[in-house]
Amino acid sequence: MAITGNRLQRLARSTAGGLPGVSHGRPFTDKLDVYKVAGKVFLIVTDDPHEQIITVKAEPEHARSLRRRHESIMAGRYLNKKHWISLAAGQEITPTLVKDLVAHSYDLVAASVPARRRSGAG
């Protein structure tokens, strides 16, 4: 079942908020809600009502595969397009996919942080 832009964003926020060691704020602009683990970004939620998207980190090959399979997944906005993808609402975007991609992004970013800096993260 497809989800709306509002639900996509609420689900991404609640998934991120339930992960250990997560902080969030608006360090770049009021329209970007940024979620971090150990000071590193793993999720951006765009608050522009005309562009209801989320942006997450993904391994490059996985990102390419997702973009090929899902019309509503595109190269990441605001960040490196090889390592980040953005999701918009669409027929093929499910709650499970959103939760999995947010959690996977968190895991990728947490794993890149030296163990001494993780403090409760993944």
Protein backbone atom coordinates (compact mmCIF):
# COMPACT_ATOMS: atom_id res chain seq x y z
CA MET A 1 0.00 0.00 0.00
CA ALA A 2 1.39 3.41 -1.01
CA ILE A 3 1.83 6.16 1.55
CA THR A 4 1.30 9.92 1.36
CA GLY A 5 4.07 12.50 1.66
CA ASN A 6 2.99 13.40 5.19
CA ARG A 7 2.98 9.78 6.29
CA LEU A 8 6.34 9.16 4.61
CA GLN A 9 7.86 11.97 6.63
CA ARG A 10 6.15 11.04 9.92
CA LEU A 11 7.26 7.44 9.54
CA ALA A 12 10.86 8.43 8.77
CA ARG A 13 10.95 10.76 11.79
CA SER A 14 9.46 8.19 14.18
CA THR A 15 11.80 5.45 12.91
CA ALA A 16 14.84 7.69 13.31
CA GLY A 17 13.71 8.91 16.73
CA GLY A 18 13.52 5.33 17.99
CA LEU A 19 17.15 4.55 17.17
CA PRO A 20 19.87 4.85 19.86
CA GLY A 21 22.06 7.94 20.07
CA VAL A 22 20.06 10.02 17.57
CA SER A 23 19.95 13.80 17.65
CA HIS A 24 18.13 16.12 15.32
CA GLY A 25 17.85 19.78 14.52
CA ARG A 26 17.84 22.28 11.69
CA PRO A 27 21.49 23.23 11.17
CA PHE A 28 21.16 24.19 7.48
CA THR A 29 17.73 25.80 7.04
CA ASP A 30 14.31 25.83 8.71
CA LYS A 31 12.95 23.59 5.92
CA LEU A 32 15.37 20.70 6.53
CA ASP A 33 14.95 18.51 9.62
CA VAL A 34 18.32 16.76 9.99
CA TYR A 35 18.85 13.53 11.97
CA LYS A 36 22.36 12.55 13.08
CA VAL A 37 24.14 9.73 14.86
CA ALA A 38 27.46 10.61 16.53
CA GLY A 39 27.31 13.99 14.81
CA LYS A 40 26.92 12.54 11.28
CA VAL A 41 23.83 12.96 9.11
CA PHE A 42 21.79 9.85 8.25
CA LEU A 43 18.35 11.33 7.45
CA ILE A 44 17.04 14.63 6.10
CA VAL A 45 13.32 15.35 6.09
CA THR A 46 12.26 18.22 3.84
CA ASP A 47 9.53 20.36 5.40
CA ASP A 48 8.58 22.11 2.17
CA PRO A 49 4.91 21.16 1.57
CA HIS A 50 5.54 21.22 -2.18
CA GLU A 51 8.43 18.75 -1.90
CA GLN A 52 7.63 16.14 0.73
CA ILE A 53 10.71 13.94 0.54
CA ILE A 54 13.20 12.23 2.79
CA THR A 55 16.88 11.67 2.01
CA VAL A 56 18.87 8.70 3.34
CA LYS A 57 22.29 7.16 2.82
CA ALA A 58 22.63 3.94 0.81
CA GLU A 59 25.47 1.89 -0.64
CA PRO A 60 26.03 3.04 -4.25
CA GLU A 61 24.97 -0.22 -5.94
CA HIS A 62 21.90 -0.56 -3.71
CA ALA A 63 21.01 3.08 -4.43
CA ARG A 64 21.23 2.48 -8.20
CA SER A 65 19.10 -0.64 -7.92
CA LEU A 66 16.44 1.17 -5.87
CA ARG A 67 16.33 4.07 -8.37
CA ARG A 68 15.87 1.63 -11.26
CA ARG A 69 13.07 -0.27 -9.49
CA HIS A 70 11.17 2.62 -7.90
CA GLU A 71 9.91 5.65 -9.77
CA SER A 72 9.64 7.65 -6.51
CA ILE A 73 13.30 7.13 -5.53
CA MET A 74 15.83 9.51 -7.04
CA ALA A 75 19.42 10.60 -6.52
CA GLY A 76 19.78 12.29 -3.14
CA ARG A 77 18.95 15.93 -2.78
CA TYR A 78 21.41 18.16 -0.94
CA LEU A 79 24.11 15.45 -0.57
CA ASN A 80 26.45 13.25 -2.64
CA LYS A 81 24.25 11.69 -5.31
CA LYS A 82 26.27 8.47 -5.38
CA HIS A 83 25.75 7.68 -1.69
CA TRP A 84 22.36 9.26 -0.97
CA ILE A 85 18.82 8.73 -2.25
CA SER A 86 15.63 10.73 -1.83
CA LEU A 87 12.18 9.18 -1.55
CA ALA A 88 8.89 10.84 -2.38
CA ALA A 89 5.43 9.40 -1.90
CA GLY A 90 4.49 6.95 -4.60
CA GLN A 91 2.58 3.79 -5.36
CA GLU A 92 5.63 1.60 -4.70
CA ILE A 93 6.77 3.31 -1.49
CA THR A 94 5.59 1.27 1.49
CA PRO A 95 5.94 1.81 5.24
CA THR A 96 8.24 -1.21 5.44
CA LEU A 97 10.52 0.20 2.73
CA VAL A 98 10.72 3.58 4.50
CA LYS A 99 11.55 2.00 7.89
CA ASP A 100 14.14 -0.30 6.33
CA LEU A 101 15.87 2.50 4.42
CA VAL A 102 16.01 4.82 7.43
CA ALA A 103 17.40 2.03 9.64
CA HIS A 104 19.90 1.01 6.96
CA SER A 105 21.07 4.61 6.55
CA TYR A 106 21.54 4.85 10.32
CA ASP A 107 23.54 1.60 10.33
CA LEU A 108 25.79 2.76 7.47
CA VAL A 109 26.53 6.06 9.14
CA ALA A 110 26.96 4.59 12.64
CA ALA A 111 29.40 1.98 11.28
CA SER A 112 31.53 4.74 9.77
CA VAL A 113 31.98 6.43 13.15
CA PRO A 114 34.94 5.31 15.28
CA ALA A 115 33.76 3.10 18.17
CA ARG A 116 34.88 5.62 20.80
CA ARG A 117 32.49 8.23 19.32
CA ARG A 118 29.39 6.02 18.90
CA SER A 119 28.03 6.34 22.45
CA GLY A 120 24.91 4.24 22.16
CA ALA A 121 24.77 4.18 18.36
CA GLY A 122 24.40 0.94 16.41
